[in-house]
Amino acid sequence: MNIGFNGLILQQGQYSGVHVAVRGLLNALAENLPPKTRLTVYSQRRLPDRLPSPGEQVRYTHPWWPVGWRAGRISYEQFFLHSRVFRDKTDLLHCPAYIAPHWCLQPMIVNVHDIFALRQPEICTLANRSHYSRMLPKTILRARKIIVPTAWVRDEILAWRNERKFDCPDLAEKIVVVPWGVDHRFQPVADERRREAVALKYGLPEKYILFVGRVEPKKNVRAVIEAYFAAVLGHKLPHRLVLVGPRGWDKKILALPEKLGLADKVVTPGFVPDEDLPVIYSGASALLFPSLAEGFGLPVAEAMACGVPVVCSDLPSLREVGGDAVSYARTGDLPDLRGKLEQVLLDPKKASDMRAQGLRRARTFSWQAHAHTMLDIYREVIEADRARHQ
């Protein structure tokens, strides 16, 4: 097999959950390639850290077009990538970030991590709403297989198809649920020297509640701040709040603690690289994650893998990730969120049980298993394509 992999979304800088998922998949694929299988990765020239090294089975090819900025990458993917894929004689092209080239002759597999731009456009940026509302339906129609991280995303795609009367009769057969994995780095960190060094680097307190995610409306950071203050101040607990993640397009919310006169209770390290994030997870008393919309919810899985109790919103996708190991608050219900957080902070036995259950649950999310499933799907699609042309 000669597999083409569109890795152009991967670049140096701050990663979102989708970027982490694409990188995790690419690394696992490279580690599990069968003999006589080649992986051709279409990528930026300036690659981020922790990607597979080029070798006999893994080859990187860089476009001549300037793809370091978003408009350049999108235009290259739509107008030029298909011809490069054809010249490389790939058997299929895997597009792991929502959108596929329009004119590609090779069969294509596409990862659709969510369809918020189609079903909940109000929580998306104008740029994302415009781009995905135009391109995603075309991609769904052309893809031979559509890979989604949860059954909830599959159901959302099918509901959108039915509501819009979208003409794709074989859509249900094309969708395959393959959960994301969790990187092996995410595990409890007991090394005191390492924990002290990370705490000093980011100004972390001894006890804290943690939130991980981009600061944007769908993450519901306001609820994180309000539930934290209500629970901690109400019971005079020593915990502070640590908000980890890049500052997205809801920056005003970070001014809320100062308006409340409690800015000294909140630590905002911003983006944290992978080498430090497991340490920050491991030191937290709980992860508070009241998101309003998630296709998967990677911080929930990462926190469980690090032995941290999780309190999150009662979204179907998050229930698929957390199972019985997580405490769920009704989505958008601040008193319920506060109550669930208080239970974890005030009941040591409950917190201990959640840690143990979370560690067991997190072991079910493996990039190695994800890669093996993808390789099976590659073979199925290639064999079906060859049979069509005989």
Protein backbone atom coordinates (compact mmCIF):
# COMPACT_ATOMS: atom_id res chain seq x y z
CA MET A 1 0.00 0.00 0.00
CA ASN A 2 1.05 3.58 -0.64
CA ILE A 3 -0.95 5.77 1.72
CA GLY A 4 -1.12 9.53 1.26
CA PHE A 5 -1.63 11.49 4.49
CA ASN A 6 -2.55 15.16 4.47
CA GLY A 7 -0.57 16.50 7.42
CA LEU A 8 -0.56 20.14 6.32
CA ILE A 9 -2.57 21.18 9.37
CA LEU A 10 0.41 20.27 11.58
CA GLN A 11 2.75 23.19 12.15
CA GLN A 12 4.84 24.68 14.89
CA GLY A 13 2.89 26.58 17.52
CA GLN A 14 -0.07 26.04 19.82
CA TYR A 15 -2.15 22.90 19.24
CA SER A 16 -5.89 22.34 19.54
CA GLY A 17 -7.44 18.96 20.31
CA VAL A 18 -7.78 18.19 16.60
CA HIS A 19 -4.08 18.93 16.03
CA VAL A 20 -3.18 16.58 18.91
CA ALA A 21 -5.42 13.87 17.41
CA VAL A 22 -3.86 14.20 13.94
CA ARG A 23 -0.35 14.02 15.40
CA GLY A 24 -1.25 11.03 17.58
CA LEU A 25 -2.69 9.16 14.62
CA LEU A 26 0.30 9.92 12.39
CA ASN A 27 2.81 8.69 14.99
CA ALA A 28 0.86 5.51 15.64
CA LEU A 29 0.49 4.78 11.92
CA ALA A 30 4.24 5.18 11.38
CA GLU A 31 4.96 2.77 14.25
CA ASN A 32 2.59 0.10 12.94
CA LEU A 33 3.07 0.12 9.16
CA PRO A 34 3.06 -3.41 7.70
CA PRO A 35 5.92 -4.47 5.44
CA LYS A 36 5.77 -3.09 1.89
CA THR A 37 3.55 -0.20 3.03
CA ARG A 38 4.62 3.38 2.47
CA LEU A 39 3.24 6.47 4.16
CA THR A 40 3.61 9.68 2.15
CA VAL A 41 2.98 12.69 4.38
CA TYR A 42 2.13 16.03 2.76
CA SER A 43 3.42 18.50 5.31
CA GLN A 44 4.71 21.94 6.18
CA ARG A 45 8.44 22.55 5.77
CA ARG A 46 8.79 23.59 9.41
CA LEU A 47 7.48 20.53 11.19
CA PRO A 48 6.49 20.51 14.86
CA ASP A 49 8.27 18.29 17.35
CA ARG A 50 7.39 14.66 17.98
CA LEU A 51 6.48 13.56 14.47
CA PRO A 52 7.75 10.33 12.87
CA SER A 53 11.25 10.46 11.44
CA PRO A 54 11.50 10.04 7.67
CA GLY A 55 12.76 6.66 6.54
CA GLU A 56 12.20 3.77 4.18
CA GLN A 57 8.46 3.59 4.88
CA VAL A 58 7.73 7.20 5.89
CA ARG A 59 8.33 10.02 3.42
CA TYR A 60 7.59 13.73 3.79
CA THR A 61 6.86 15.92 0.81
CA HIS A 62 6.56 19.70 1.09
CA PRO A 63 4.51 21.91 -1.23
CA TRP A 64 6.03 24.73 -3.23
CA TRP A 65 3.00 26.84 -2.32
CA PRO A 66 3.10 28.99 0.87
CA VAL A 67 0.99 26.87 3.25
CA GLY A 68 2.17 28.35 6.55
CA TRP A 69 -0.94 30.54 6.71
CA ARG A 70 -4.48 29.23 6.69
CA ALA A 71 -5.69 30.67 3.37
CA GLY A 72 -2.55 29.38 1.65
CA ARG A 73 -3.02 25.89 3.08
CA ILE A 74 -6.70 25.73 2.10
CA SER A 75 -6.02 26.92 -1.46
CA TYR A 76 -3.19 24.41 -1.90
CA GLU A 77 -5.36 21.56 -0.58
CA GLN A 78 -8.19 22.40 -2.98
CA PHE A 79 -6.28 23.34 -6.15
CA PHE A 80 -2.91 21.57 -6.10
CA LEU A 81 -2.77 18.67 -3.62
CA HIS A 82 -4.77 16.30 -5.83
CA SER A 83 -2.22 16.51 -8.66
CA ARG A 84 0.68 15.82 -6.27
CA VAL A 85 -1.18 12.82 -4.85
CA PHE A 86 -1.75 11.52 -8.39
CA ARG A 87 1.95 11.90 -9.33
CA ASP A 88 2.96 10.03 -6.18
CA LYS A 89 0.77 7.08 -7.26
CA THR A 90 -0.85 6.75 -3.85
CA ASP A 91 -3.55 4.13 -3.37
CA LEU A 92 -5.65 6.47 -1.24
CA LEU A 93 -5.50 9.83 0.48
CA HIS A 94 -6.29 10.18 4.18
CA CYS A 95 -7.47 13.67 5.16
CA PRO A 96 -7.55 13.73 8.99
CA ALA A 97 -8.89 17.26 9.50
CA TYR A 98 -12.42 17.56 8.10
CA ILE A 99 -11.85 18.62 4.47
CA ALA A 100 -10.73 16.73 1.35
CA PRO A 101 -9.52 18.04 -2.02
CA HIS A 102 -12.24 18.59 -4.58
CA TRP A 103 -10.69 16.93 -7.63
CA CYS A 104 -8.75 14.01 -6.15
CA LEU A 105 -9.02 10.83 -8.25
CA GLN A 106 -7.77 8.52 -5.49
CA PRO A 107 -10.28 7.20 -2.94
CA MET A 108 -10.32 9.39 0.16
CA ILE A 109 -10.83 8.77 3.86
CA VAL A 110 -11.75 11.78 5.99
CA ASN A 111 -11.87 12.39 9.74
CA VAL A 112 -14.81 14.55 10.79
CA HIS A 113 -14.26 15.37 14.46
CA ASP A 114 -17.52 17.32 14.83
CA ILE A 115 -20.02 19.23 12.68
CA PHE A 116 -20.55 22.30 14.84
CA ALA A 117 -20.25 24.54 11.78
CA LEU A 118 -23.31 22.81 10.32
CA ARG A 119 -25.39 22.15 13.44
CA GLN A 120 -24.29 24.84 15.92
CA PRO A 121 -22.74 27.62 13.82
CA GLU A 122 -23.26 30.20 16.57
CA ILE A 123 -20.40 28.69 18.62
CA CYS A 124 -17.93 28.85 15.70
CA THR A 125 -15.78 31.69 14.46
CA LEU A 126 -17.00 33.43 11.31
CA ALA A 127 -14.05 32.01 9.35
CA ASN A 128 -14.75 28.42 10.43
CA ARG A 129 -18.48 28.79 9.87
CA SER A 130 -17.95 30.07 6.34
CA HIS A 131 -15.30 27.54 5.35
CA TYR A 132 -16.82 24.37 6.79
CA SER A 133 -20.41 25.14 5.85
CA ARG A 134 -19.32 25.28 2.19
CA MET A 135 -16.68 22.54 2.11
CA LEU A 136 -17.78 19.91 4.63
CA PRO A 137 -20.94 18.76 2.78
CA LYS A 138 -18.90 18.27 -0.40
CA THR A 139 -16.30 16.29 1.53
CA ILE A 140 -18.95 14.09 3.17
CA LEU A 141 -20.32 13.29 -0.26
CA ARG A 142 -16.94 12.40 -1.84
CA ALA A 143 -15.32 10.46 1.00
CA ARG A 144 -15.30 6.67 0.79
CA LYS A 145 -15.11 6.43 4.59
CA ILE A 146 -15.80 9.06 7.25
CA ILE A 147 -14.03 8.52 10.57
CA VAL A 148 -15.64 10.05 13.67
CA PRO A 149 -14.39 9.95 17.29
CA THR A 150 -17.74 9.21 18.97
CA ALA A 151 -21.10 7.70 18.13
CA TRP A 152 -22.61 11.09 18.98
CA VAL A 153 -20.78 12.73 16.06
CA ARG A 154 -22.04 9.97 13.77
CA ASP A 155 -25.60 10.56 14.95
CA GLU A 156 -25.21 14.33 14.44
CA ILE A 157 -24.07 13.82 10.85
CA LEU A 158 -27.02 11.54 10.12
CA ALA A 159 -29.47 13.95 11.79
CA TRP A 160 -28.07 16.81 9.69
CA ARG A 161 -28.45 14.66 6.55
CA ASN A 162 -32.08 13.94 7.36
CA GLU A 163 -32.94 17.54 8.28
CA ARG A 164 -31.34 18.99 5.15
CA LYS A 165 -32.48 16.11 2.94
CA PHE A 166 -28.86 15.79 1.85
CA ASP A 167 -28.58 13.33 -1.03
CA CYS A 168 -26.10 10.74 0.26
CA PRO A 169 -28.00 7.44 0.63
CA ASP A 170 -24.96 5.38 1.70
CA LEU A 171 -23.87 7.85 4.41
CA ALA A 172 -24.61 5.56 7.37
CA GLU A 173 -22.46 2.80 5.83
CA LYS A 174 -19.59 5.21 5.22
CA ILE A 175 -19.29 6.41 8.82
CA VAL A 176 -16.98 4.49 11.17
CA VAL A 177 -16.59 5.34 14.87
CA VAL A 178 -12.93 5.17 15.92
CA PRO A 179 -12.23 6.86 19.29
CA TRP A 180 -9.18 9.06 19.76
CA GLY A 181 -6.28 7.77 21.80
CA VAL A 182 -4.34 9.24 24.70
CA ASP A 183 -0.59 9.77 24.36
CA HIS A 184 1.53 7.51 26.57
CA ARG A 185 3.01 10.59 28.25
CA PHE A 186 -0.25 11.12 30.08
CA GLN A 187 0.10 9.13 33.28
CA PRO A 188 0.36 10.00 36.97
CA VAL A 189 3.59 11.87 37.70
CA ALA A 190 4.97 11.10 41.16
CA ASP A 191 8.47 12.56 40.67
CA GLU A 192 8.57 15.38 43.25
CA ARG A 193 11.50 17.18 41.62
CA ARG A 194 9.71 17.27 38.29
CA ARG A 195 6.48 18.45 39.92
CA GLU A 196 8.29 21.18 41.84
CA ALA A 197 10.09 22.37 38.69
CA VAL A 198 6.84 22.61 36.69
CA ALA A 199 5.06 24.31 39.59
CA LEU A 200 7.82 26.90 39.79
CA LYS A 201 7.82 27.39 36.00
CA TYR A 202 4.09 28.18 35.82
CA GLY A 203 3.49 29.60 39.28
CA LEU A 204 1.26 26.72 40.38
CA PRO A 205 -0.14 26.62 43.94
CA GLU A 206 -0.05 23.55 46.18
CA LYS A 207 -3.76 22.81 45.68
CA TYR A 208 -5.76 23.75 42.61
CA ILE A 209 -8.74 23.02 40.38
CA LEU A 210 -7.77 22.66 36.73
CA PHE A 211 -9.36 23.61 33.42
CA VAL A 212 -7.68 22.68 30.11
CA GLY A 213 -8.88 24.07 26.79
CA ARG A 214 -8.93 27.01 24.43
CA VAL A 215 -10.69 30.08 25.82
CA GLU A 216 -13.73 30.24 23.54
CA PRO A 217 -17.51 30.34 24.12
CA LYS A 218 -18.19 26.62 23.70
CA LYS A 219 -15.74 25.77 26.48
CA ASN A 220 -17.94 27.66 28.97
CA VAL A 221 -15.01 29.16 30.91
CA ARG A 222 -17.38 31.54 32.69
CA ALA A 223 -19.02 28.53 34.35
CA VAL A 224 -15.59 27.21 35.35
CA ILE A 225 -14.79 30.48 37.12
CA GLU A 226 -18.19 30.91 38.75
CA ALA A 227 -18.49 27.30 39.96
CA TYR A 228 -14.95 27.41 41.33
CA PHE A 229 -15.53 30.59 43.31
CA ALA A 230 -18.88 29.38 44.65
CA ALA A 231 -17.49 26.02 45.80
CA VAL A 232 -14.11 27.08 47.12
CA LEU A 233 -15.10 30.34 48.80
CA GLY A 234 -18.33 28.83 50.11
CA HIS A 235 -16.37 26.19 52.01
CA LYS A 236 -13.21 28.28 52.61
CA LEU A 237 -11.04 25.76 50.77
CA PRO A 238 -7.39 26.57 49.96
CA HIS A 239 -7.62 25.64 46.25
CA ARG A 240 -6.88 28.09 43.49
CA LEU A 241 -8.02 27.85 39.88
CA VAL A 242 -5.55 27.09 37.05
CA LEU A 243 -6.73 27.82 33.49
CA VAL A 244 -4.47 26.08 30.96
CA GLY A 245 -4.87 26.69 27.24
CA PRO A 246 -4.38 29.23 24.48
CA ARG A 247 -6.34 32.44 24.59
CA GLY A 248 -8.95 32.01 21.89
CA TRP A 249 -11.66 34.40 20.77
CA ASP A 250 -13.38 34.83 24.16
CA LYS A 251 -10.56 36.72 25.87
CA LYS A 252 -12.85 39.02 27.83
CA ILE A 253 -13.86 36.16 30.11
CA LEU A 254 -10.36 36.11 31.60
CA ALA A 255 -11.07 39.55 33.09
CA LEU A 256 -13.93 38.14 35.20
CA PRO A 257 -11.82 37.20 38.26
CA GLU A 258 -10.42 40.72 38.41
CA LYS A 259 -13.93 42.20 38.20
CA LEU A 260 -14.90 39.99 41.13
CA GLY A 261 -11.85 41.17 43.07
CA LEU A 262 -10.43 37.66 43.15
CA ALA A 263 -7.70 37.78 40.51
CA ASP A 264 -5.15 36.42 43.01
CA LYS A 265 -7.10 33.15 43.12
CA VAL A 266 -6.62 32.38 39.41
CA VAL A 267 -3.45 31.29 37.56
CA THR A 268 -3.43 31.51 33.74
CA PRO A 269 -0.32 29.80 32.30
CA GLY A 270 -1.75 29.92 28.76
CA PHE A 271 -0.61 27.21 26.34
CA VAL A 272 1.40 24.41 27.99
CA PRO A 273 3.49 21.93 25.93
CA ASP A 274 2.97 18.19 26.22
CA GLU A 275 6.08 17.58 28.30
CA ASP A 276 4.66 19.69 31.16
CA LEU A 277 0.93 19.07 30.82
CA PRO A 278 0.87 15.59 32.48
CA VAL A 279 2.61 17.10 35.51
CA ILE A 280 0.00 19.84 35.78
CA TYR A 281 -2.80 17.31 35.46
CA SER A 282 -1.23 15.08 38.12
CA GLY A 283 -1.07 17.89 40.68
CA ALA A 284 -4.74 18.90 40.31
CA SER A 285 -7.44 18.04 42.83
CA ALA A 286 -9.97 17.88 39.97
CA LEU A 287 -10.48 18.76 36.32
CA LEU A 288 -13.49 21.04 35.80
CA PHE A 289 -14.72 20.80 32.20
CA PRO A 290 -18.28 22.17 31.71
CA SER A 291 -18.04 22.43 27.93
CA LEU A 292 -21.19 23.19 25.95
CA ALA A 293 -20.12 21.23 22.85
CA GLU A 294 -17.49 18.53 22.24
CA GLY A 295 -16.87 15.99 19.52
CA PHE A 296 -14.69 13.94 21.88
CA GLY A 297 -13.31 15.90 24.86
CA LEU A 298 -9.60 15.06 24.99
CA PRO A 299 -8.90 16.80 28.36
CA VAL A 300 -11.33 14.38 30.03
CA ALA A 301 -9.40 11.37 28.73
CA GLU A 302 -6.00 12.94 29.53
CA ALA A 303 -7.06 13.83 33.07
CA MET A 304 -8.32 10.28 33.72
CA ALA A 305 -5.02 8.90 32.40
CA CYS A 306 -3.18 11.07 34.94
CA GLY A 307 -5.37 9.89 37.82
CA VAL A 308 -7.36 13.12 38.23
CA PRO A 309 -11.08 13.18 39.18
CA VAL A 310 -13.16 14.79 36.44
CA VAL A 311 -16.30 16.91 36.75
CA CYS A 312 -17.74 17.72 33.33
CA SER A 313 -20.96 18.60 31.57
CA ASP A 314 -23.48 15.93 30.72
CA LEU A 315 -22.88 15.84 26.97
CA PRO A 316 -23.42 12.55 25.09
CA SER A 317 -19.91 12.72 23.63
CA LEU A 318 -18.32 13.25 27.05
CA ARG A 319 -20.31 10.34 28.47
CA GLU A 320 -18.82 8.14 25.76
CA VAL A 321 -15.35 9.19 26.90
CA GLY A 322 -15.83 9.24 30.67
CA GLY A 323 -18.19 6.29 31.11
CA ASP A 324 -18.86 5.63 34.82
CA ALA A 325 -15.54 7.15 35.91
CA VAL A 326 -16.62 10.80 35.67
CA SER A 327 -19.03 13.01 37.63
CA TYR A 328 -21.50 14.69 35.25
CA ALA A 329 -23.31 17.98 35.85
CA ARG A 330 -26.34 18.99 33.83
CA THR A 331 -25.13 21.06 30.90
CA GLY A 332 -25.56 24.77 31.61
CA ASP A 333 -26.70 24.15 35.23
CA LEU A 334 -24.28 26.14 37.41
CA PRO A 335 -25.66 25.01 40.83
CA ASP A 336 -25.37 21.37 39.75
CA LEU A 337 -21.82 21.95 38.51
CA ARG A 338 -20.90 23.55 41.82
CA GLY A 339 -22.46 20.68 43.76
CA LYS A 340 -20.60 18.01 41.78
CA LEU A 341 -17.31 19.86 42.28
CA GLU A 342 -17.94 20.17 46.01
CA GLN A 343 -18.56 16.42 46.27
CA VAL A 344 -15.13 15.70 44.80
CA LEU A 345 -13.33 18.28 46.95
CA LEU A 346 -15.06 17.41 50.24
CA ASP A 347 -15.27 13.61 49.97
CA PRO A 348 -11.76 12.03 49.84
CA LYS A 349 -13.15 8.52 49.31
CA LYS A 350 -15.22 9.61 46.32
CA ALA A 351 -12.19 11.37 44.82
CA SER A 352 -10.03 8.27 45.38
CA ASP A 353 -12.60 5.99 43.76
CA MET A 354 -12.88 8.35 40.76
CA ARG A 355 -9.10 8.34 40.33
CA ALA A 356 -8.99 4.54 40.20
CA GLN A 357 -11.98 4.29 37.86
CA GLY A 358 -10.53 6.99 35.61
CA LEU A 359 -7.19 5.23 35.27
CA ARG A 360 -8.95 2.04 34.18
CA ARG A 361 -11.20 3.92 31.78
CA ALA A 362 -8.31 5.82 30.18
CA ARG A 363 -6.58 2.58 29.19
CA THR A 364 -9.34 1.97 26.65
CA PHE A 365 -8.16 4.95 24.56
CA SER A 366 -5.11 3.87 22.57
CA TRP A 367 -3.54 5.42 19.49
CA GLN A 368 -2.06 2.01 18.70
CA ALA A 369 -5.52 0.45 18.52
CA HIS A 370 -6.72 3.45 16.50
CA ALA A 371 -3.89 2.98 13.99
CA HIS A 372 -4.58 -0.75 13.57
CA THR A 373 -8.24 0.02 12.87
CA MET A 374 -7.24 2.65 10.31
CA LEU A 375 -4.91 0.22 8.54
CA ASP A 376 -7.78 -2.26 8.24
CA ILE A 377 -9.98 0.50 6.80
CA TYR A 378 -7.24 1.44 4.31
CA ARG A 379 -7.10 -2.16 3.05
CA GLU A 380 -10.89 -2.36 2.78
CA VAL A 381 -11.13 0.88 0.77
CA ILE A 382 -8.23 0.01 -1.54
CA GLU A 383 -9.54 -3.48 -2.25
CA ALA A 384 -13.02 -2.11 -2.97
CA ASP A 385 -11.56 0.52 -5.30
CA ARG A 386 -9.54 -2.07 -7.22
CA ALA A 387 -12.60 -4.30 -7.55
CA ARG A 388 -14.57 -1.37 -9.00
CA HIS A 389 -11.98 -0.88 -11.73
CA GLN A 390 -11.64 -4.51 -12.77
